[in-house]
Amino acid sequence: NSIQVVVDTAFNGTPTMSIGIAGTTSKYSATSD
């Protein structure tokens, strides 16, 4: 239904993340989200 990413402590640098499955790593959330 939904995904919440709670950033408790801001990251430095230029990190990215996505959520999905092997082969479709951005199926549920893209790096731009």
ModelCIF file with pLDDT and N, C-alpha, C, O atoms, coordinates in Angstrom:
data_MODEL
#
_entry.id   MODEL 
#
_entity.id                         1 
_entity.type                       polymer 
_entity.pdbx_number_of_molecules   1 
#
_entity_poly.entity_id                      1 
_entity_poly.type                           'polypeptide(L)' 
_entity_poly.nstd_linkage                   no 
_entity_poly.nstd_monomer                   no 
_entity_poly.pdbx_seq_one_letter_code       NSIQVVVDTAFNGTPTMSIGIAGTTSKYSATSD 
_entity_poly.pdbx_seq_one_letter_code_can   NSIQVVVDTAFNGTPTMSIGIAGTTSKYSATSD 
_entity_poly.pdbx_strand_id                 A 
#
loop_
_entity_poly_seq.entity_id 
_entity_poly_seq.num 
_entity_poly_seq.mon_id 
_entity_poly_seq.hetero 
1 1  ASN n 
1 2  SER n 
1 3  ILE n 
1 4  GLN n 
1 5  VAL n 
1 6  VAL n 
1 7  VAL n 
1 8  ASP n 
1 9  THR n 
1 10 ALA n 
1 11 PHE n 
1 12 ASN n 
1 13 GLY n 
1 14 THR n 
1 15 PRO n 
1 16 THR n 
1 17 MET n 
1 18 SER n 
1 19 ILE n 
1 20 GLY n 
1 21 ILE n 
1 22 ALA n 
1 23 GLY n 
1 24 THR n 
1 25 THR n 
1 26 SER n 
1 27 LYS n 
1 28 TYR n 
1 29 SER n 
1 30 ALA n 
1 31 THR n 
1 32 SER n 
1 33 ASP n 
#
_struct_asym.id          A 
_struct_asym.entity_id   1 
#
loop_
_ma_qa_metric.id 
_ma_qa_metric.mode 
_ma_qa_metric.name 
_ma_qa_metric.software_group_id 
_ma_qa_metric.type 
1 global pLDDT . pLDDT 
2 local  pLDDT . pLDDT 
#
_ma_qa_metric_global.metric_id      1 
_ma_qa_metric_global.metric_value   96.97 
_ma_qa_metric_global.model_id       1 
_ma_qa_metric_global.ordinal_id     1 
#
loop_
_ma_qa_metric_local.label_asym_id 
_ma_qa_metric_local.label_comp_id 
_ma_qa_metric_local.label_seq_id 
_ma_qa_metric_local.metric_id 
_ma_qa_metric_local.metric_value 
_ma_qa_metric_local.model_id 
_ma_qa_metric_local.ordinal_id 
A ASN 1  2 94.00 1 1  
A SER 2  2 96.00 1 2  
A ILE 3  2 97.00 1 3  
A GLN 4  2 98.00 1 4  
A VAL 5  2 98.00 1 5  
A VAL 6  2 98.00 1 6  
A VAL 7  2 98.00 1 7  
A ASP 8  2 98.00 1 8  
A THR 9  2 98.00 1 9  
A ALA 10 2 98.00 1 10 
A PHE 11 2 98.00 1 11 
A ASN 12 2 98.00 1 12 
A GLY 13 2 98.00 1 13 
A THR 14 2 98.00 1 14 
A PRO 15 2 98.00 1 15 
A THR 16 2 98.00 1 16 
A MET 17 2 98.00 1 17 
A SER 18 2 98.00 1 18 
A ILE 19 2 98.00 1 19 
A GLY 20 2 96.00 1 20 
A ILE 21 2 95.00 1 21 
A ALA 22 2 93.00 1 22 
A GLY 23 2 94.00 1 23 
A THR 24 2 95.00 1 24 
A THR 25 2 97.00 1 25 
A SER 26 2 97.00 1 26 
A LYS 27 2 96.00 1 27 
A TYR 28 2 97.00 1 28 
A SER 29 2 97.00 1 29 
A ALA 30 2 97.00 1 30 
A THR 31 2 97.00 1 31 
A SER 32 2 97.00 1 32 
A ASP 33 2 97.00 1 33 
#
loop_
_atom_site.group_PDB 
_atom_site.id 
_atom_site.type_symbol 
_atom_site.label_atom_id 
_atom_site.label_alt_id 
_atom_site.label_comp_id 
_atom_site.label_asym_id 
_atom_site.label_entity_id 
_atom_site.label_seq_id 
_atom_site.pdbx_PDB_ins_code 
_atom_site.Cartn_x 
_atom_site.Cartn_y 
_atom_site.Cartn_z 
_atom_site.occupancy 
_atom_site.B_iso_or_equiv 
_atom_site.pdbx_formal_charge 
_atom_site.auth_seq_id 
_atom_site.auth_comp_id 
_atom_site.auth_asym_id 
_atom_site.auth_atom_id 
_atom_site.pdbx_PDB_model_num 
ATOM 1   N N  . ASN A 1 1  ? 0.811  -1.217 0.000   1.00 94.00 ? 1  ASN A N  1 
ATOM 2   C CA . ASN A 1 1  ? 0.000  0.000  0.000   1.00 94.00 ? 1  ASN A CA 1 
ATOM 3   C C  . ASN A 1 1  ? 0.844  1.267  0.000   1.00 94.00 ? 1  ASN A C  1 
ATOM 4   O O  . ASN A 1 1  ? 0.661  2.145  -0.843  1.00 94.00 ? 1  ASN A O  1 
ATOM 5   N N  . SER A 1 2  ? 1.772  1.358  0.951   1.00 96.00 ? 2  SER A N  1 
ATOM 6   C CA . SER A 1 2  ? 2.575  2.574  1.048   1.00 96.00 ? 2  SER A CA 1 
ATOM 7   C C  . SER A 1 2  ? 3.925  2.264  1.660   1.00 96.00 ? 2  SER A C  1 
ATOM 8   O O  . SER A 1 2  ? 4.109  1.244  2.324   1.00 96.00 ? 2  SER A O  1 
ATOM 9   N N  . ILE A 1 3  ? 4.862  3.160  1.425   1.00 97.00 ? 3  ILE A N  1 
ATOM 10  C CA . ILE A 1 3  ? 6.208  3.054  1.978   1.00 97.00 ? 3  ILE A CA 1 
ATOM 11  C C  . ILE A 1 3  ? 6.560  4.396  2.602   1.00 97.00 ? 3  ILE A C  1 
ATOM 12  O O  . ILE A 1 3  ? 6.393  5.446  1.981   1.00 97.00 ? 3  ILE A O  1 
ATOM 13  N N  . GLN A 1 4  ? 7.044  4.351  3.825   1.00 98.00 ? 4  GLN A N  1 
ATOM 14  C CA . GLN A 1 4  ? 7.539  5.550  4.495   1.00 98.00 ? 4  GLN A CA 1 
ATOM 15  C C  . GLN A 1 4  ? 9.034  5.392  4.746   1.00 98.00 ? 4  GLN A C  1 
ATOM 16  O O  . GLN A 1 4  ? 9.472  4.402  5.332   1.00 98.00 ? 4  GLN A O  1 
ATOM 17  N N  . VAL A 1 5  ? 9.799  6.356  4.306   1.00 98.00 ? 5  VAL A N  1 
ATOM 18  C CA . VAL A 1 5  ? 11.226 6.391  4.598   1.00 98.00 ? 5  VAL A CA 1 
ATOM 19  C C  . VAL A 1 5  ? 11.441 7.535  5.576   1.00 98.00 ? 5  VAL A C  1 
ATOM 20  O O  . VAL A 1 5  ? 11.282 8.706  5.230   1.00 98.00 ? 5  VAL A O  1 
ATOM 21  N N  . VAL A 1 6  ? 11.804 7.178  6.804   1.00 98.00 ? 6  VAL A N  1 
ATOM 22  C CA . VAL A 1 6  ? 12.007 8.177  7.855   1.00 98.00 ? 6  VAL A CA 1 
ATOM 23  C C  . VAL A 1 6  ? 13.508 8.423  7.970   1.00 98.00 ? 6  VAL A C  1 
ATOM 24  O O  . VAL A 1 6  ? 14.250 7.572  8.461   1.00 98.00 ? 6  VAL A O  1 
ATOM 25  N N  . VAL A 1 7  ? 13.938 9.575  7.520   1.00 98.00 ? 7  VAL A N  1 
ATOM 26  C CA . VAL A 1 7  ? 15.359 9.940  7.626   1.00 98.00 ? 7  VAL A CA 1 
ATOM 27  C C  . VAL A 1 7  ? 15.547 10.603 8.990   1.00 98.00 ? 7  VAL A C  1 
ATOM 28  O O  . VAL A 1 7  ? 15.257 11.786 9.165   1.00 98.00 ? 7  VAL A O  1 
ATOM 29  N N  . ASP A 1 8  ? 16.036 9.822  9.948   1.00 98.00 ? 8  ASP A N  1 
ATOM 30  C CA . ASP A 1 8  ? 16.219 10.333 11.312  1.00 98.00 ? 8  ASP A CA 1 
ATOM 31  C C  . ASP A 1 8  ? 17.443 11.230 11.408  1.00 98.00 ? 8  ASP A C  1 
ATOM 32  O O  . ASP A 1 8  ? 17.410 12.264 12.075  1.00 98.00 ? 8  ASP A O  1 
ATOM 33  N N  . THR A 1 9  ? 18.516 10.837 10.745  1.00 98.00 ? 9  THR A N  1 
ATOM 34  C CA . THR A 1 9  ? 19.743 11.634 10.705  1.00 98.00 ? 9  THR A CA 1 
ATOM 35  C C  . THR A 1 9  ? 20.136 11.834 9.254   1.00 98.00 ? 9  THR A C  1 
ATOM 36  O O  . THR A 1 9  ? 20.383 10.866 8.534   1.00 98.00 ? 9  THR A O  1 
ATOM 37  N N  . ALA A 1 10 ? 20.194 13.069 8.825   1.00 98.00 ? 10 ALA A N  1 
ATOM 38  C CA . ALA A 1 10 ? 20.502 13.353 7.424   1.00 98.00 ? 10 ALA A CA 1 
ATOM 39  C C  . ALA A 1 10 ? 21.857 12.768 7.041   1.00 98.00 ? 10 ALA A C  1 
ATOM 40  O O  . ALA A 1 10 ? 22.819 12.843 7.806   1.00 98.00 ? 10 ALA A O  1 
ATOM 41  N N  . PHE A 1 11 ? 21.917 12.187 5.848   1.00 98.00 ? 11 PHE A N  1 
ATOM 42  C CA . PHE A 1 11 ? 23.160 11.629 5.313   1.00 98.00 ? 11 PHE A CA 1 
ATOM 43  C C  . PHE A 1 11 ? 23.987 12.764 4.703   1.00 98.00 ? 11 PHE A C  1 
ATOM 44  O O  . PHE A 1 11 ? 23.439 13.752 4.213   1.00 98.00 ? 11 PHE A O  1 
ATOM 45  N N  . ASN A 1 12 ? 25.278 12.609 4.739   1.00 98.00 ? 12 ASN A N  1 
ATOM 46  C CA . ASN A 1 12 ? 26.130 13.506 3.971   1.00 98.00 ? 12 ASN A CA 1 
ATOM 47  C C  . ASN A 1 12 ? 26.486 12.807 2.660   1.00 98.00 ? 12 ASN A C  1 
ATOM 48  O O  . ASN A 1 12 ? 26.043 11.683 2.420   1.00 98.00 ? 12 ASN A O  1 
ATOM 49  N N  . GLY A 1 13 ? 27.257 13.441 1.837   1.00 98.00 ? 13 GLY A N  1 
ATOM 50  C CA . GLY A 1 13 ? 27.577 12.860 0.537   1.00 98.00 ? 13 GLY A CA 1 
ATOM 51  C C  . GLY A 1 13 ? 26.397 12.933 -0.409  1.00 98.00 ? 13 GLY A C  1 
ATOM 52  O O  . GLY A 1 13 ? 25.542 13.812 -0.295  1.00 98.00 ? 13 GLY A O  1 
ATOM 53  N N  . THR A 1 14 ? 26.361 11.976 -1.365  1.00 98.00 ? 14 THR A N  1 
ATOM 54  C CA . THR A 1 14 ? 25.266 11.944 -2.346  1.00 98.00 ? 14 THR A CA 1 
ATOM 55  C C  . THR A 1 14 ? 24.666 10.536 -2.415  1.00 98.00 ? 14 THR A C  1 
ATOM 56  O O  . THR A 1 14 ? 24.728 9.889  -3.460  1.00 98.00 ? 14 THR A O  1 
ATOM 57  N N  . PRO A 1 15 ? 24.090 10.061 -1.311  1.00 98.00 ? 15 PRO A N  1 
ATOM 58  C CA . PRO A 1 15 ? 23.553 8.702  -1.292  1.00 98.00 ? 15 PRO A CA 1 
ATOM 59  C C  . PRO A 1 15 ? 22.211 8.602  -2.014  1.00 98.00 ? 15 PRO A C  1 
ATOM 60  O O  . PRO A 1 15 ? 21.473 9.582  -2.120  1.00 98.00 ? 15 PRO A O  1 
ATOM 61  N N  . THR A 1 16 ? 21.912 7.413  -2.505  1.00 98.00 ? 16 THR A N  1 
ATOM 62  C CA . THR A 1 16 ? 20.610 7.140  -3.125  1.00 98.00 ? 16 THR A CA 1 
ATOM 63  C C  . THR A 1 16 ? 20.114 5.782  -2.662  1.00 98.00 ? 16 THR A C  1 
ATOM 64  O O  . THR A 1 16 ? 20.897 4.940  -2.222  1.00 98.00 ? 16 THR A O  1 
ATOM 65  N N  . MET A 1 17 ? 18.810 5.576  -2.765  1.00 98.00 ? 17 MET A N  1 
ATOM 66  C CA . MET A 1 17 ? 18.214 4.287  -2.416  1.00 98.00 ? 17 MET A CA 1 
ATOM 67  C C  . MET A 1 17 ? 16.987 4.047  -3.264  1.00 98.00 ? 17 MET A C  1 
ATOM 68  O O  . MET A 1 17 ? 16.316 4.989  -3.687  1.00 98.00 ? 17 MET A O  1 
ATOM 69  N N  . SER A 1 18 ? 16.695 2.780  -3.512  1.00 98.00 ? 18 SER A N  1 
ATOM 70  C CA . SER A 1 18 ? 15.461 2.394  -4.185  1.00 98.00 ? 18 SER A CA 1 
ATOM 71  C C  . SER A 1 18 ? 14.968 1.112  -3.524  1.00 98.00 ? 18 SER A C  1 
ATOM 72  O O  . SER A 1 18 ? 15.724 0.423  -2.837  1.00 98.00 ? 18 SER A O  1 
ATOM 73  N N  . ILE A 1 19 ? 13.700 0.803  -3.738  1.00 98.00 ? 19 ILE A N  1 
ATOM 74  C CA . ILE A 1 19 ? 13.097 -0.382 -3.113  1.00 98.00 ? 19 ILE A CA 1 
ATOM 75  C C  . ILE A 1 19 ? 12.423 -1.217 -4.195  1.00 98.00 ? 19 ILE A C  1 
ATOM 76  O O  . ILE A 1 19 ? 11.636 -0.709 -4.994  1.00 98.00 ? 19 ILE A O  1 
ATOM 77  N N  . GLY A 1 20 ? 12.737 -2.472 -4.203  1.00 96.00 ? 20 GLY A N  1 
ATOM 78  C CA . GLY A 1 20 ? 12.145 -3.358 -5.201  1.00 96.00 ? 20 GLY A CA 1 
ATOM 79  C C  . GLY A 1 20 ? 12.548 -4.793 -4.942  1.00 96.00 ? 20 GLY A C  1 
ATOM 80  O O  . GLY A 1 20 ? 12.604 -5.241 -3.796  1.00 96.00 ? 20 GLY A O  1 
ATOM 81  N N  . ILE A 1 21 ? 12.826 -5.502 -6.007  1.00 95.00 ? 21 ILE A N  1 
ATOM 82  C CA . ILE A 1 21 ? 13.240 -6.894 -5.927  1.00 95.00 ? 21 ILE A CA 1 
ATOM 83  C C  . ILE A 1 21 ? 14.428 -7.101 -6.860  1.00 95.00 ? 21 ILE A C  1 
ATOM 84  O O  . ILE A 1 21 ? 14.738 -6.240 -7.683  1.00 95.00 ? 21 ILE A O  1 
ATOM 85  N N  . ALA A 1 22 ? 15.078 -8.224 -6.730  1.00 93.00 ? 22 ALA A N  1 
ATOM 86  C CA . ALA A 1 22 ? 16.206 -8.516 -7.611  1.00 93.00 ? 22 ALA A CA 1 
ATOM 87  C C  . ALA A 1 22 ? 15.738 -8.495 -9.061  1.00 93.00 ? 22 ALA A C  1 
ATOM 88  O O  . ALA A 1 22 ? 14.751 -9.144 -9.407  1.00 93.00 ? 22 ALA A O  1 
ATOM 89  N N  . GLY A 1 23 ? 16.436 -7.760 -9.896  1.00 94.00 ? 23 GLY A N  1 
ATOM 90  C CA . GLY A 1 23 ? 16.058 -7.642 -11.301 1.00 94.00 ? 23 GLY A CA 1 
ATOM 91  C C  . GLY A 1 23 ? 15.187 -6.441 -11.589 1.00 94.00 ? 23 GLY A C  1 
ATOM 92  O O  . GLY A 1 23 ? 15.196 -5.920 -12.704 1.00 94.00 ? 23 GLY A O  1 
ATOM 93  N N  . THR A 1 24 ? 14.421 -5.987 -10.581 1.00 95.00 ? 24 THR A N  1 
ATOM 94  C CA . THR A 1 24 ? 13.585 -4.784 -10.714 1.00 95.00 ? 24 THR A CA 1 
ATOM 95  C C  . THR A 1 24 ? 13.749 -3.991 -9.430  1.00 95.00 ? 24 THR A C  1 
ATOM 96  O O  . THR A 1 24 ? 12.843 -3.950 -8.598  1.00 95.00 ? 24 THR A O  1 
ATOM 97  N N  . THR A 1 25 ? 14.887 -3.370 -9.272  1.00 97.00 ? 25 THR A N  1 
ATOM 98  C CA . THR A 1 25 ? 15.261 -2.778 -7.986  1.00 97.00 ? 25 THR A CA 1 
ATOM 99  C C  . THR A 1 25 ? 14.469 -1.526 -7.623  1.00 97.00 ? 25 THR A C  1 
ATOM 100 O O  . THR A 1 25 ? 14.522 -1.081 -6.476  1.00 97.00 ? 25 THR A O  1 
ATOM 101 N N  . SER A 1 26 ? 13.731 -0.943 -8.581  1.00 97.00 ? 26 SER A N  1 
ATOM 102 C CA . SER A 1 26 ? 12.915 0.243  -8.293  1.00 97.00 ? 26 SER A CA 1 
ATOM 103 C C  . SER A 1 26 ? 11.433 -0.049 -8.452  1.00 97.00 ? 26 SER A C  1 
ATOM 104 O O  . SER A 1 26 ? 10.651 0.860  -8.732  1.00 97.00 ? 26 SER A O  1 
ATOM 105 N N  . LYS A 1 27 ? 11.037 -1.299 -8.277  1.00 96.00 ? 27 LYS A N  1 
ATOM 106 C CA . LYS A 1 27 ? 9.640  -1.678 -8.497  1.00 96.00 ? 27 LYS A CA 1 
ATOM 107 C C  . LYS A 1 27 ? 8.695  -0.893 -7.600  1.00 96.00 ? 27 LYS A C  1 
ATOM 108 O O  . LYS A 1 27 ? 7.619  -0.494 -8.046  1.00 96.00 ? 27 LYS A O  1 
ATOM 109 N N  . TYR A 1 28 ? 9.071  -0.662 -6.344  1.00 97.00 ? 28 TYR A N  1 
ATOM 110 C CA . TYR A 1 28 ? 8.167  -0.015 -5.398  1.00 97.00 ? 28 TYR A CA 1 
ATOM 111 C C  . TYR A 1 28 ? 8.580  1.410  -5.037  1.00 97.00 ? 28 TYR A C  1 
ATOM 112 O O  . TYR A 1 28 ? 7.750  2.193  -4.576  1.00 97.00 ? 28 TYR A O  1 
ATOM 113 N N  . SER A 1 29 ? 9.836  1.751  -5.237  1.00 97.00 ? 29 SER A N  1 
ATOM 114 C CA . SER A 1 29 ? 10.285 3.116  -4.960  1.00 97.00 ? 29 SER A CA 1 
ATOM 115 C C  . SER A 1 29 ? 11.544 3.395  -5.755  1.00 97.00 ? 29 SER A C  1 
ATOM 116 O O  . SER A 1 29 ? 12.484 2.600  -5.749  1.00 97.00 ? 29 SER A O  1 
ATOM 117 N N  . ALA A 1 30 ? 11.557 4.532  -6.441  1.00 97.00 ? 30 ALA A N  1 
ATOM 118 C CA . ALA A 1 30 ? 12.705 4.910  -7.261  1.00 97.00 ? 30 ALA A CA 1 
ATOM 119 C C  . ALA A 1 30 ? 13.674 5.766  -6.460  1.00 97.00 ? 30 ALA A C  1 
ATOM 120 O O  . ALA A 1 30 ? 13.332 6.255  -5.383  1.00 97.00 ? 30 ALA A O  1 
ATOM 121 N N  . THR A 1 31 ? 14.886 5.948  -6.983  1.00 97.00 ? 31 THR A N  1 
ATOM 122 C CA . THR A 1 31 ? 15.889 6.755  -6.291  1.00 97.00 ? 31 THR A CA 1 
ATOM 123 C C  . THR A 1 31 ? 15.451 8.218  -6.167  1.00 97.00 ? 31 THR A C  1 
ATOM 124 O O  . THR A 1 31 ? 15.930 8.934  -5.288  1.00 97.00 ? 31 THR A O  1 
ATOM 125 N N  . SER A 1 32 ? 14.556 8.657  -7.032  1.00 97.00 ? 32 SER A N  1 
ATOM 126 C CA . SER A 1 32 ? 14.106 10.055 -7.003  1.00 97.00 ? 32 SER A CA 1 
ATOM 127 C C  . SER A 1 32 ? 13.026 10.310 -5.953  1.00 97.00 ? 32 SER A C  1 
ATOM 128 O O  . SER A 1 32 ? 12.640 11.459 -5.737  1.00 97.00 ? 32 SER A O  1 
ATOM 129 N N  . ASP A 1 33 ? 12.529 9.252  -5.293  1.00 97.00 ? 33 ASP A N  1 
ATOM 130 C CA . ASP A 1 33 ? 11.432 9.415  -4.335  1.00 97.00 ? 33 ASP A CA 1 
ATOM 131 C C  . ASP A 1 33 ? 11.898 9.903  -2.963  1.00 97.00 ? 33 ASP A C  1 
ATOM 132 O O  . ASP A 1 33 ? 11.081 10.084 -2.061  1.00 97.00 ? 33 ASP A O  1 
#
